[in-house]
Amino acid sequence: MMSNILKNNYLRFVILAGRCLASTGNNVNIGDQMKILNDNKQYKKVLELFDAFNENNIDKCSNWIVIQALKACTQINDVQHGLKIHNLISSRLKHDPYVLPSLIHFYMQCGDINRAQLLFETSTKKTLPMYGAMMKGYIKNNLPKKVIDLFNEIKDPDRVIIILLFNACAQLGTNEELNLCGDVTSAKSLFDRSSKKTISMYGAMMKGFIINNSSKQAIDLFNEIKDPNEIIITLFFNACAQLGTGKELILLKSISSKISNSFYSDPYVVTSLIDAFMKCGDVTSAKASFDKSTKKTLPMYGVLMKGFIVNDQEEEAIDMFNDIHIDELHRENDSARKMKLLPEMNTDCFEANIAIYLCLIKALTKLGILEQAQALIQQIPSSVRVDHRIRNALIHMWGKVGSVDKAKRIFDKISQPDHIGWTAMINSYGLNGMGDEAVKLFYQMPKESIDHLTYICVLNACSHSGLVDVARSIFNNIQTKTEIIYTTMIDCLSRAAAFEEAQKLIGEFERDHAPAVSVYSLYSSIYL
């Protein structure tokens, strides 16, 4: 309480001092006080100070004060206050080259793209900060193509503008769309021409390469940096993870052995390092990196569990789940230490929990042991079990361990199954020799939800239940037949001893495709 009294008295003093200064025409210190409050994230106090000062001094309000007030509005997403400030300031300030970027930034961050564009378009003199505010806003609102259009208007971009361009190119995410920037090579050419390359520029360029599956070039850029920060290190690990070869593993071991121990307190860096080691097949180094981390987070546990599963060490993944500290994932609910998800956790934490449980279910699915699955699935809280991803994974798992009834009960609880849920249930029937049920469900499935995986599952169900005629009918109605679809149908025909028809189907496949080993191997294994 005493602390609050002191804070309130201090604020009153600041306001009073501001009024005194304003009466003499000196309002510079008010702006400085507002900046101090902004720097300390006391955004509401900034706006209180602004309102108090401007009761009788709106004509004397400097651009510095307006900028600080708009910054506070932006940080707390106070749209109404921002609109009020915009309406209060004079026409001179509306066209001020310093205030306009702040106004544009405010509207963009609040999602009001139209107001931001109107301010920009009606400005008589467009400055680089204004272009930067617009470009940053378009990136924030997932409109990277507009960033590139703006960039093409700028005659002499500075390093900030170039970084924003690279970020927009990275956001586009495909080589085809990146042609709007020129292409990856052109973006790199622009980067190379820059006389002063900053860490941020390197980071944006590396990110663009990684998103566009050019991780080798990202690693080449990394090797040019003398003193990489945690962001650059993380991007380097991501690039190595994407390539996942023995060459990258050597690089990983070299760099990870040289980085400061302080990096191991950054969960983002360590999580990326674990992921990279796992994708390069070095489970031991991944586990060692995890053990060395001083701050273990749920995403870190998740990526380690996922890595164990990818490297066929499902038991290790389950052991890791059991090792997760109860305070990180759950709270005690009663004397029996019943696990229950924290109800007040934010979205990011909830997503991390979902990832952990999905890894657990995936490990249990691969092991296929009913008793083990029954014991561990009980630990998943009911609040998590209603998530559609968890339900879909459980349907697949129960089908894999032979408990079709449990899979069906979960499926029936879903009011509107997505294509994954439908396909998982069809596959569960197929895995357990219930071809008729699989086919019946297939015909109940909305046509727009059917994909190539659905066709594979229903054809496989027919194959294992001897429903050759049904499989033939489904196959003939498939518009786009992939190699796996052909392979599954050939398997179905071969199991029914329809070898001549299977051979004809192989010939049909090879008229439009190169010979595939998978097609012949299934046919040969059954025929022989």
Protein backbone atom coordinates (compact mmCIF):
# COMPACT_ATOMS: atom_id res chain seq x y z
CA MET A 1 0.00 0.00 0.00
CA MET A 2 2.84 2.39 0.94
CA SER A 3 4.45 1.66 -2.43
CA ASN A 4 1.24 2.62 -4.24
CA ILE A 5 0.96 5.86 -2.23
CA LEU A 6 4.52 6.81 -3.14
CA LYS A 7 3.88 6.03 -6.80
CA ASN A 8 0.69 8.10 -6.83
CA ASN A 9 2.40 11.03 -5.09
CA TYR A 10 5.25 10.82 -7.56
CA LEU A 11 2.82 10.88 -10.48
CA ARG A 12 1.02 13.90 -9.01
CA PHE A 13 4.37 15.63 -8.67
CA VAL A 14 5.23 14.85 -12.29
CA ILE A 15 1.86 16.15 -13.48
CA LEU A 16 2.17 19.31 -11.39
CA ALA A 17 5.70 19.89 -12.62
CA GLY A 18 4.49 19.36 -16.16
CA ARG A 19 1.77 21.95 -15.74
CA CYS A 20 4.24 24.46 -14.33
CA LEU A 21 6.65 23.87 -17.19
CA ALA A 22 3.85 24.09 -19.70
CA SER A 23 2.78 27.47 -18.37
CA THR A 24 6.22 28.83 -19.25
CA GLY A 25 6.17 27.21 -22.67
CA ASN A 26 8.79 24.60 -21.79
CA ASN A 27 7.23 21.17 -22.38
CA VAL A 28 10.38 19.26 -23.27
CA ASN A 29 10.68 17.74 -19.79
CA ILE A 30 7.14 16.38 -19.97
CA GLY A 31 8.15 14.39 -23.03
CA ASP A 32 11.23 13.15 -21.22
CA GLN A 33 9.15 12.08 -18.23
CA MET A 34 6.78 10.25 -20.57
CA LYS A 35 9.74 8.48 -22.18
CA ILE A 36 11.00 7.33 -18.79
CA LEU A 37 7.57 5.93 -17.99
CA ASN A 38 7.43 4.22 -21.40
CA ASP A 39 10.87 2.71 -20.86
CA ASN A 40 9.59 1.29 -17.57
CA LYS A 41 6.47 -0.08 -19.30
CA GLN A 42 4.14 2.18 -17.31
CA TYR A 43 2.05 2.95 -20.36
CA LYS A 44 -1.18 3.91 -18.60
CA LYS A 45 0.71 6.48 -16.52
CA VAL A 46 2.12 7.93 -19.73
CA LEU A 47 -1.40 8.51 -21.00
CA GLU A 48 -2.53 9.95 -17.65
CA LEU A 49 0.35 12.41 -17.81
CA PHE A 50 -0.48 13.28 -21.41
CA ASP A 51 -4.14 13.90 -20.61
CA ALA A 52 -3.29 16.05 -17.59
CA PHE A 53 -0.80 18.14 -19.53
CA ASN A 54 -3.08 18.68 -22.50
CA GLU A 55 -6.15 19.85 -20.61
CA ASN A 56 -5.20 23.46 -21.37
CA ASN A 57 -2.05 23.09 -23.48
CA ILE A 58 -2.98 21.24 -26.65
CA ASP A 59 -1.65 24.02 -28.87
CA LYS A 60 1.70 23.86 -27.07
CA CYS A 61 2.02 20.09 -27.37
CA SER A 62 5.31 19.13 -28.99
CA ASN A 63 5.81 16.29 -31.44
CA TRP A 64 8.00 14.56 -28.83
CA ILE A 65 5.08 14.40 -26.39
CA VAL A 66 2.70 13.11 -29.07
CA ILE A 67 5.17 10.41 -30.11
CA GLN A 68 5.51 9.18 -26.52
CA ALA A 69 1.73 9.15 -26.05
CA LEU A 70 1.22 7.20 -29.28
CA LYS A 71 3.91 4.74 -28.25
CA ALA A 72 2.00 4.04 -25.03
CA CYS A 73 -1.26 3.58 -26.95
CA THR A 74 0.47 1.15 -29.30
CA GLN A 75 1.96 -0.92 -26.50
CA ILE A 76 -1.36 -1.47 -24.71
CA ASN A 77 -3.46 -1.50 -27.88
CA ASP A 78 -5.54 1.47 -26.65
CA VAL A 79 -7.33 2.28 -29.90
CA GLN A 80 -9.76 4.82 -28.46
CA HIS A 81 -7.04 6.82 -26.76
CA GLY A 82 -4.96 6.79 -29.92
CA LEU A 83 -7.87 8.05 -32.01
CA LYS A 84 -8.44 10.81 -29.46
CA ILE A 85 -4.80 11.88 -29.68
CA HIS A 86 -4.94 11.85 -33.46
CA ASN A 87 -8.01 14.09 -33.42
CA LEU A 88 -6.50 16.47 -30.86
CA ILE A 89 -3.24 17.28 -32.56
CA SER A 90 -3.07 20.17 -34.99
CA SER A 91 -2.89 19.86 -38.76
CA ARG A 92 0.76 20.84 -38.55
CA LEU A 93 1.53 17.80 -36.44
CA LYS A 94 -0.54 15.50 -38.63
CA HIS A 95 1.91 16.16 -41.42
CA ASP A 96 4.98 16.26 -39.21
CA PRO A 97 7.65 13.85 -40.55
CA TYR A 98 8.33 12.62 -37.02
CA VAL A 99 4.77 12.15 -35.78
CA LEU A 100 3.41 10.51 -38.93
CA PRO A 101 5.53 7.34 -38.62
CA SER A 102 4.29 6.95 -35.03
CA LEU A 103 0.67 7.37 -36.10
CA ILE A 104 1.12 4.89 -38.94
CA HIS A 105 2.82 2.42 -36.59
CA PHE A 106 0.01 2.82 -34.04
CA TYR A 107 -2.73 2.08 -36.56
CA MET A 108 -0.85 -0.85 -38.11
CA GLN A 109 -0.15 -2.49 -34.77
CA CYS A 110 -3.82 -2.12 -33.86
CA GLY A 111 -4.84 -3.72 -37.16
CA ASP A 112 -6.36 -0.58 -38.71
CA ILE A 113 -4.55 -0.89 -42.03
CA ASN A 114 -6.91 1.46 -43.89
CA ARG A 115 -6.23 4.44 -41.61
CA ALA A 116 -2.49 3.81 -41.80
CA GLN A 117 -2.61 3.65 -45.60
CA LEU A 118 -4.68 6.84 -45.78
CA LEU A 119 -2.16 8.72 -43.64
CA PHE A 120 0.69 7.47 -45.78
CA GLU A 121 -0.96 8.13 -49.13
CA THR A 122 -2.09 11.68 -48.25
CA SER A 123 1.31 12.70 -46.93
CA THR A 124 3.00 15.28 -49.14
CA LYS A 125 6.51 14.13 -48.23
CA LYS A 126 7.14 10.45 -47.61
CA THR A 127 10.22 9.77 -45.49
CA LEU A 128 12.13 6.53 -44.88
CA PRO A 129 10.70 6.21 -41.32
CA MET A 130 7.20 6.43 -42.82
CA TYR A 131 8.05 3.72 -45.36
CA GLY A 132 9.54 1.66 -42.53
CA ALA A 133 6.40 2.01 -40.39
CA MET A 134 4.23 0.93 -43.31
CA MET A 135 6.46 -2.02 -44.20
CA LYS A 136 6.67 -3.19 -40.59
CA GLY A 137 2.89 -2.89 -40.33
CA TYR A 138 2.31 -4.93 -43.46
CA ILE A 139 4.59 -7.66 -42.09
CA LYS A 140 2.71 -7.55 -38.76
CA ASN A 141 -0.58 -7.97 -40.65
CA ASN A 142 0.77 -10.74 -42.91
CA LEU A 143 0.81 -8.68 -46.12
CA PRO A 144 4.40 -9.21 -47.32
CA LYS A 145 3.64 -8.56 -51.00
CA LYS A 146 2.66 -4.98 -50.13
CA VAL A 147 6.03 -4.56 -48.42
CA ILE A 148 7.77 -5.45 -51.66
CA ASP A 149 5.58 -3.03 -53.62
CA LEU A 150 6.56 -0.24 -51.23
CA PHE A 151 10.22 -1.18 -51.37
CA ASN A 152 10.21 -0.74 -55.14
CA GLU A 153 9.19 2.91 -54.64
CA ILE A 154 12.22 3.73 -52.51
CA LYS A 155 15.22 5.18 -54.34
CA ASP A 156 17.81 4.94 -51.57
CA PRO A 157 16.81 2.39 -48.89
CA ASP A 158 18.71 2.32 -45.61
CA ARG A 159 19.64 -0.80 -43.63
CA VAL A 160 16.33 -0.80 -41.70
CA ILE A 161 14.35 -0.84 -44.95
CA ILE A 162 16.52 -3.64 -46.33
CA ILE A 163 16.01 -5.74 -43.19
CA LEU A 164 12.25 -5.26 -43.49
CA LEU A 165 12.42 -6.35 -47.14
CA PHE A 166 14.28 -9.53 -46.18
CA ASN A 167 11.71 -10.26 -43.47
CA ALA A 168 8.89 -9.81 -45.97
CA CYS A 169 10.61 -12.14 -48.44
CA ALA A 170 11.05 -14.71 -45.69
CA GLN A 171 7.36 -14.40 -44.78
CA LEU A 172 6.32 -15.21 -48.33
CA GLY A 173 7.88 -18.59 -47.74
CA THR A 174 8.27 -20.08 -51.22
CA ASN A 175 10.85 -19.63 -53.95
CA GLU A 176 8.12 -18.88 -56.47
CA GLU A 177 6.69 -16.01 -54.46
CA LEU A 178 10.13 -14.79 -53.51
CA ASN A 179 10.52 -13.82 -57.16
CA LEU A 180 8.57 -10.73 -56.15
CA CYS A 181 11.78 -9.70 -54.41
CA GLY A 182 13.73 -10.73 -57.50
CA ASP A 183 14.50 -14.21 -56.14
CA VAL A 184 16.79 -15.55 -53.43
CA THR A 185 19.84 -14.65 -55.51
CA SER A 186 18.65 -11.08 -56.04
CA ALA A 187 17.89 -10.67 -52.35
CA LYS A 188 21.40 -11.93 -51.57
CA SER A 189 22.81 -9.53 -54.17
CA LEU A 190 21.09 -6.64 -52.42
CA PHE A 191 22.51 -7.89 -49.13
CA ASP A 192 26.01 -8.13 -50.61
CA ARG A 193 25.86 -4.55 -51.89
CA SER A 194 25.13 -3.22 -48.43
CA SER A 195 28.29 -1.57 -47.09
CA LYS A 196 27.42 -2.00 -43.42
CA LYS A 197 25.91 -5.37 -42.63
CA THR A 198 24.33 -5.60 -39.20
CA ILE A 199 23.47 -8.68 -37.17
CA SER A 200 19.80 -8.03 -37.91
CA MET A 201 20.47 -8.05 -41.65
CA TYR A 202 22.33 -11.34 -41.38
CA GLY A 203 19.49 -12.78 -39.33
CA ALA A 204 16.81 -11.71 -41.80
CA MET A 205 18.80 -13.12 -44.71
CA MET A 206 19.46 -16.42 -42.93
CA LYS A 207 15.79 -16.73 -42.03
CA GLY A 208 14.82 -16.19 -45.66
CA PHE A 209 17.21 -18.90 -46.83
CA ILE A 210 15.93 -21.38 -44.23
CA ILE A 211 12.26 -20.82 -45.03
CA ASN A 212 13.04 -21.29 -48.71
CA ASN A 213 14.95 -24.55 -48.13
CA SER A 214 18.34 -23.00 -48.84
CA SER A 215 19.90 -23.80 -45.49
CA LYS A 216 23.37 -24.35 -46.91
CA GLN A 217 23.47 -20.68 -47.88
CA ALA A 218 22.26 -19.76 -44.41
CA ILE A 219 25.18 -21.71 -42.95
CA ASP A 220 27.58 -19.98 -45.36
CA LEU A 221 26.30 -16.63 -44.08
CA PHE A 222 26.72 -17.78 -40.49
CA ASN A 223 30.39 -18.48 -41.16
CA GLU A 224 30.88 -14.81 -42.08
CA ILE A 225 29.71 -13.55 -38.68
CA LYS A 226 32.45 -12.97 -36.13
CA ASP A 227 30.34 -12.54 -33.01
CA PRO A 228 26.91 -14.19 -33.47
CA ASN A 229 24.19 -13.49 -30.93
CA GLU A 230 21.59 -15.94 -29.65
CA ILE A 231 19.24 -15.27 -32.58
CA ILE A 232 21.94 -16.02 -35.16
CA ILE A 233 23.02 -19.13 -33.25
CA THR A 234 19.41 -20.34 -33.18
CA LEU A 235 19.03 -19.77 -36.93
CA PHE A 236 22.26 -21.69 -37.53
CA PHE A 237 20.93 -24.64 -35.54
CA ASN A 238 17.66 -24.47 -37.50
CA ALA A 239 19.59 -24.58 -40.77
CA CYS A 240 21.55 -27.64 -39.62
CA ALA A 241 18.30 -29.31 -38.55
CA GLN A 242 16.78 -28.75 -41.97
CA LEU A 243 19.71 -30.41 -43.75
CA GLY A 244 20.26 -33.15 -41.16
CA THR A 245 23.34 -34.77 -42.69
CA GLY A 246 26.61 -35.94 -41.22
CA LYS A 247 28.33 -32.79 -42.45
CA GLU A 248 25.98 -30.60 -40.45
CA LEU A 249 26.44 -32.84 -37.43
CA ILE A 250 30.17 -32.10 -37.48
CA LEU A 251 29.42 -28.36 -37.67
CA LEU A 252 26.91 -28.64 -34.83
CA LYS A 253 29.39 -30.33 -32.55
CA SER A 254 32.04 -27.77 -33.38
CA ILE A 255 29.88 -24.69 -32.82
CA SER A 256 28.07 -26.02 -29.75
CA SER A 257 31.40 -26.77 -28.10
CA LYS A 258 32.57 -23.18 -28.65
CA ILE A 259 29.53 -21.14 -27.64
CA SER A 260 29.44 -19.52 -24.23
CA ASN A 261 27.78 -21.38 -21.38
CA SER A 262 25.42 -18.41 -21.11
CA PHE A 263 23.68 -19.62 -24.26
CA TYR A 264 22.55 -22.70 -22.36
CA SER A 265 20.35 -20.47 -20.21
CA ASP A 266 18.41 -19.43 -23.34
CA PRO A 267 15.67 -22.05 -23.89
CA TYR A 268 15.20 -21.05 -27.54
CA VAL A 269 18.85 -21.70 -28.35
CA VAL A 270 18.93 -25.02 -26.50
CA THR A 271 15.63 -26.20 -28.00
CA SER A 272 16.96 -25.49 -31.50
CA LEU A 273 20.22 -27.28 -30.70
CA ILE A 274 18.40 -30.37 -29.41
CA ASP A 275 16.20 -30.41 -32.51
CA ALA A 276 19.24 -30.14 -34.78
CA PHE A 277 21.11 -32.97 -33.06
CA MET A 278 18.02 -35.19 -33.20
CA LYS A 279 17.46 -34.54 -36.90
CA CYS A 280 21.10 -35.34 -37.55
CA GLY A 281 20.60 -38.64 -35.71
CA ASP A 282 22.81 -37.85 -32.71
CA VAL A 283 20.52 -38.71 -29.81
CA THR A 284 23.36 -38.75 -27.27
CA SER A 285 24.43 -35.17 -28.00
CA ALA A 286 20.81 -34.02 -27.97
CA LYS A 287 20.29 -35.50 -24.51
CA ALA A 288 23.59 -34.01 -23.30
CA SER A 289 22.49 -30.56 -24.50
CA PHE A 290 19.21 -30.97 -22.66
CA ASP A 291 21.01 -31.96 -19.47
CA LYS A 292 23.32 -28.95 -19.79
CA SER A 293 20.42 -26.51 -20.07
CA THR A 294 19.87 -24.41 -16.97
CA LYS A 295 16.25 -23.59 -17.80
CA LYS A 296 14.20 -26.51 -19.06
CA THR A 297 10.89 -25.63 -20.73
CA LEU A 298 7.98 -27.66 -22.07
CA PRO A 299 8.95 -27.02 -25.73
CA MET A 300 12.40 -28.36 -24.86
CA TYR A 301 10.90 -31.55 -23.43
CA GLY A 302 8.65 -31.77 -26.48
CA VAL A 303 11.42 -31.52 -29.05
CA LEU A 304 13.46 -34.10 -27.13
CA MET A 305 10.52 -36.52 -27.00
CA LYS A 306 9.84 -35.99 -30.70
CA GLY A 307 13.50 -36.66 -31.46
CA PHE A 308 13.45 -39.93 -29.51
CA ILE A 309 10.40 -41.05 -31.50
CA VAL A 310 11.93 -40.11 -34.87
CA ASN A 311 15.03 -42.09 -33.91
CA ASP A 312 12.96 -45.15 -32.89
CA GLN A 313 13.51 -44.74 -29.16
CA GLU A 314 9.89 -44.61 -28.06
CA GLU A 315 10.59 -45.93 -24.55
CA GLU A 316 13.01 -43.03 -24.02
CA ALA A 317 10.27 -40.62 -25.06
CA ILE A 318 7.89 -42.13 -22.52
CA ASP A 319 10.57 -41.99 -19.82
CA MET A 320 11.05 -38.32 -20.66
CA PHE A 321 7.32 -37.73 -20.26
CA ASN A 322 7.46 -39.32 -16.83
CA ASP A 323 10.44 -37.12 -15.93
CA ILE A 324 8.67 -33.84 -16.63
CA HIS A 325 8.39 -31.96 -13.36
CA ILE A 326 4.83 -31.93 -12.10
CA ASP A 327 4.91 -28.18 -11.47
CA GLU A 328 5.79 -27.49 -15.10
CA LEU A 329 2.92 -29.40 -16.61
CA HIS A 330 0.41 -30.00 -13.81
CA ARG A 331 -0.57 -29.05 -10.28
CA GLU A 332 -1.50 -31.34 -7.41
CA ASN A 333 -5.26 -31.66 -7.17
CA ASP A 334 -5.67 -34.08 -4.28
CA SER A 335 -3.86 -36.52 -2.05
CA ALA A 336 -3.67 -39.00 -4.91
CA ARG A 337 -1.58 -36.43 -6.88
CA LYS A 338 -4.04 -36.59 -9.74
CA MET A 339 -2.60 -34.74 -12.69
CA LYS A 340 -4.58 -31.76 -13.92
CA LEU A 341 -3.65 -29.13 -16.48
CA LEU A 342 -3.16 -25.65 -15.11
CA PRO A 343 -6.41 -23.82 -15.91
CA GLU A 344 -4.90 -20.34 -15.97
CA MET A 345 -2.07 -21.06 -18.41
CA ASN A 346 -1.77 -18.91 -21.49
CA THR A 347 -2.19 -20.06 -25.08
CA ASP A 348 1.52 -20.66 -25.68
CA CYS A 349 1.78 -22.89 -22.61
CA PHE A 350 -1.37 -24.77 -23.60
CA GLU A 351 0.09 -25.42 -27.04
CA ALA A 352 3.28 -26.69 -25.42
CA ASN A 353 1.22 -29.13 -23.36
CA ILE A 354 -0.62 -30.32 -26.45
CA ALA A 355 2.73 -30.98 -28.13
CA ILE A 356 3.90 -33.02 -25.12
CA TYR A 357 0.78 -35.17 -25.11
CA LEU A 358 0.87 -35.66 -28.88
CA CYS A 359 4.43 -36.96 -28.54
CA LEU A 360 3.33 -39.32 -25.78
CA ILE A 361 0.47 -40.66 -27.91
CA LYS A 362 2.77 -41.03 -30.92
CA ALA A 363 5.25 -43.05 -28.85
CA LEU A 364 2.49 -45.30 -27.52
CA THR A 365 1.13 -45.74 -31.04
CA LYS A 366 4.49 -46.89 -32.37
CA LEU A 367 4.99 -49.31 -29.48
CA GLY A 368 1.47 -50.71 -29.88
CA ILE A 369 1.16 -52.10 -26.33
CA LEU A 370 -2.44 -51.89 -25.11
CA GLU A 371 -1.77 -52.12 -21.35
CA GLN A 372 0.89 -49.42 -21.48
CA ALA A 373 -1.36 -47.13 -23.51
CA GLN A 374 -4.26 -47.58 -21.08
CA ALA A 375 -2.09 -46.70 -18.09
CA LEU A 376 -0.53 -43.55 -19.52
CA ILE A 377 -3.50 -42.11 -21.40
CA GLN A 378 -5.34 -41.84 -18.07
CA GLN A 379 -2.88 -39.08 -17.15
CA ILE A 380 -4.18 -36.79 -19.91
CA PRO A 381 -6.62 -34.30 -18.34
CA SER A 382 -10.15 -34.11 -19.73
CA SER A 383 -9.55 -30.46 -20.66
CA VAL A 384 -6.85 -31.61 -23.06
CA ARG A 385 -8.68 -34.65 -24.41
CA VAL A 386 -11.29 -32.42 -26.07
CA ASP A 387 -8.65 -30.86 -28.34
CA HIS A 388 -9.24 -32.10 -31.90
CA ARG A 389 -5.56 -32.94 -32.44
CA ILE A 390 -5.49 -35.09 -29.31
CA ARG A 391 -8.72 -36.82 -30.29
CA ASN A 392 -7.45 -37.62 -33.78
CA ALA A 393 -4.19 -38.99 -32.37
CA LEU A 394 -6.06 -41.11 -29.82
CA ILE A 395 -8.33 -42.58 -32.50
CA HIS A 396 -5.25 -43.69 -34.43
CA MET A 397 -3.53 -45.00 -31.30
CA TRP A 398 -6.49 -47.07 -30.06
CA GLY A 399 -6.88 -48.55 -33.51
CA LYS A 400 -3.19 -49.43 -33.59
CA VAL A 401 -3.28 -51.20 -30.21
CA GLY A 402 -6.44 -53.11 -31.12
CA SER A 403 -9.04 -51.20 -29.11
CA VAL A 404 -11.42 -50.17 -31.89
CA ASP A 405 -14.32 -49.59 -29.49
CA LYS A 406 -12.39 -46.85 -27.69
CA ALA A 407 -11.43 -45.29 -31.01
CA LYS A 408 -15.09 -45.30 -32.09
CA ARG A 409 -16.24 -43.73 -28.80
CA ILE A 410 -13.85 -40.83 -29.29
CA PHE A 411 -14.82 -40.44 -32.95
CA ASP A 412 -18.53 -40.34 -32.05
CA LYS A 413 -17.91 -37.48 -29.62
CA ILE A 414 -16.60 -35.26 -32.43
CA SER A 415 -19.47 -33.18 -33.81
CA GLN A 416 -17.65 -32.28 -37.03
CA PRO A 417 -14.65 -34.53 -37.68
CA ASP A 418 -11.95 -33.14 -39.93
CA HIS A 419 -10.31 -35.21 -42.67
CA ILE A 420 -7.69 -36.48 -40.22
CA GLY A 421 -10.35 -37.77 -37.82
CA TRP A 422 -12.32 -39.53 -40.58
CA THR A 423 -9.18 -41.10 -42.00
CA ALA A 424 -7.90 -42.20 -38.57
CA MET A 425 -11.19 -44.01 -37.85
CA ILE A 426 -11.24 -45.67 -41.28
CA ASN A 427 -7.66 -46.80 -40.70
CA SER A 428 -8.53 -48.13 -37.24
CA TYR A 429 -11.19 -50.35 -38.77
CA GLY A 430 -8.79 -51.48 -41.48
CA LEU A 431 -6.01 -52.36 -39.05
CA ASN A 432 -8.39 -54.61 -37.13
CA GLY A 433 -9.87 -56.51 -40.07
CA MET A 434 -13.14 -54.56 -40.10
CA GLY A 435 -13.18 -53.75 -43.81
CA ASP A 436 -16.96 -53.47 -44.11
CA GLU A 437 -17.09 -50.84 -41.35
CA ALA A 438 -14.19 -48.96 -42.95
CA VAL A 439 -15.94 -48.85 -46.33
CA LYS A 440 -19.24 -47.82 -44.76
CA LEU A 441 -17.56 -44.94 -42.95
CA PHE A 442 -15.69 -43.96 -46.12
CA TYR A 443 -18.97 -43.48 -47.98
CA GLN A 444 -20.32 -41.37 -45.10
CA MET A 445 -17.31 -39.07 -45.28
CA PRO A 446 -17.82 -35.67 -46.98
CA LYS A 447 -16.23 -35.80 -50.43
CA GLU A 448 -14.38 -32.53 -49.89
CA SER A 449 -12.59 -34.07 -46.88
CA ILE A 450 -11.23 -37.09 -48.77
CA ASP A 451 -7.54 -36.95 -49.64
CA HIS A 452 -4.95 -39.41 -50.93
CA LEU A 453 -4.29 -40.75 -47.42
CA THR A 454 -7.99 -41.56 -47.00
CA TYR A 455 -7.93 -43.55 -50.24
CA ILE A 456 -4.86 -45.45 -49.09
CA CYS A 457 -6.49 -46.35 -45.76
CA VAL A 458 -9.78 -47.54 -47.25
CA LEU A 459 -8.03 -49.52 -50.00
CA ASN A 460 -5.78 -51.08 -47.39
CA ALA A 461 -8.85 -52.00 -45.32
CA CYS A 462 -10.36 -53.66 -48.39
CA SER A 463 -7.10 -55.47 -49.05
CA HIS A 464 -6.94 -57.03 -45.59
CA SER A 465 -10.63 -57.99 -45.63
CA GLY A 466 -10.72 -59.45 -49.15
CA LEU A 467 -13.09 -56.77 -50.49
CA VAL A 468 -11.55 -56.71 -53.96
CA ASP A 469 -14.65 -55.59 -55.86
CA VAL A 470 -15.23 -52.70 -53.47
CA ALA A 471 -11.58 -51.69 -53.69
CA ARG A 472 -11.72 -51.82 -57.49
CA SER A 473 -14.79 -49.56 -57.51
CA ILE A 474 -13.17 -47.02 -55.18
CA PHE A 475 -9.90 -47.11 -57.11
CA ASN A 476 -11.58 -46.51 -60.47
CA ASN A 477 -13.28 -43.39 -59.13
CA ILE A 478 -10.09 -41.77 -57.85
CA GLN A 479 -9.23 -38.78 -60.04
CA THR A 480 -5.55 -38.41 -59.11
CA LYS A 481 -3.76 -41.66 -58.34
CA THR A 482 -0.41 -41.42 -56.56
CA GLU A 483 2.28 -44.09 -56.50
CA ILE A 484 1.18 -45.22 -53.04
CA ILE A 485 -2.45 -45.51 -54.16
CA TYR A 486 -1.36 -47.72 -57.08
CA THR A 487 0.82 -49.75 -54.73
CA THR A 488 -2.05 -50.30 -52.28
CA MET A 489 -4.42 -51.41 -55.05
CA ILE A 490 -1.81 -53.77 -56.50
CA ASP A 491 -1.38 -55.22 -53.01
CA CYS A 492 -5.14 -55.76 -52.79
CA LEU A 493 -5.27 -57.56 -56.16
CA SER A 494 -2.21 -59.65 -55.37
CA ARG A 495 -3.63 -60.81 -52.03
CA ALA A 496 -6.74 -61.96 -53.92
CA ALA A 497 -4.52 -63.86 -56.40
CA ALA A 498 -5.63 -61.53 -59.23
CA PHE A 499 -2.06 -61.45 -60.53
CA GLU A 500 -2.91 -60.77 -64.16
CA GLU A 501 -4.97 -57.72 -63.23
CA ALA A 502 -2.22 -56.58 -60.87
CA GLN A 503 0.32 -56.86 -63.69
CA LYS A 504 -1.92 -54.80 -65.97
CA LEU A 505 -2.18 -52.15 -63.27
CA ILE A 506 1.61 -52.01 -63.06
CA GLY A 507 1.72 -51.44 -66.82
CA GLU A 508 -0.89 -48.69 -66.51
CA PHE A 509 1.17 -47.01 -63.81
CA GLU A 510 4.35 -47.13 -65.89
CA ARG A 511 2.71 -45.46 -68.88
CA ASP A 512 2.74 -42.19 -66.93
CA HIS A 513 5.41 -42.83 -64.30
CA ALA A 514 8.91 -44.18 -63.98
CA PRO A 515 9.11 -47.77 -62.68
CA ALA A 516 8.80 -47.82 -58.88
CA VAL A 517 10.46 -50.37 -56.62
CA SER A 518 7.54 -50.25 -54.16
CA VAL A 519 5.08 -51.34 -56.84
CA TYR A 520 7.13 -54.40 -57.82
CA SER A 521 8.19 -55.38 -54.30
CA LEU A 522 4.63 -55.83 -53.05
CA TYR A 523 3.58 -57.71 -56.16
CA SER A 524 6.65 -59.98 -56.06
CA SER A 525 6.45 -60.74 -52.34
CA ILE A 526 2.88 -62.02 -52.62
CA TYR A 527 3.24 -63.70 -56.02
CA LEU A 528 6.35 -65.62 -55.00
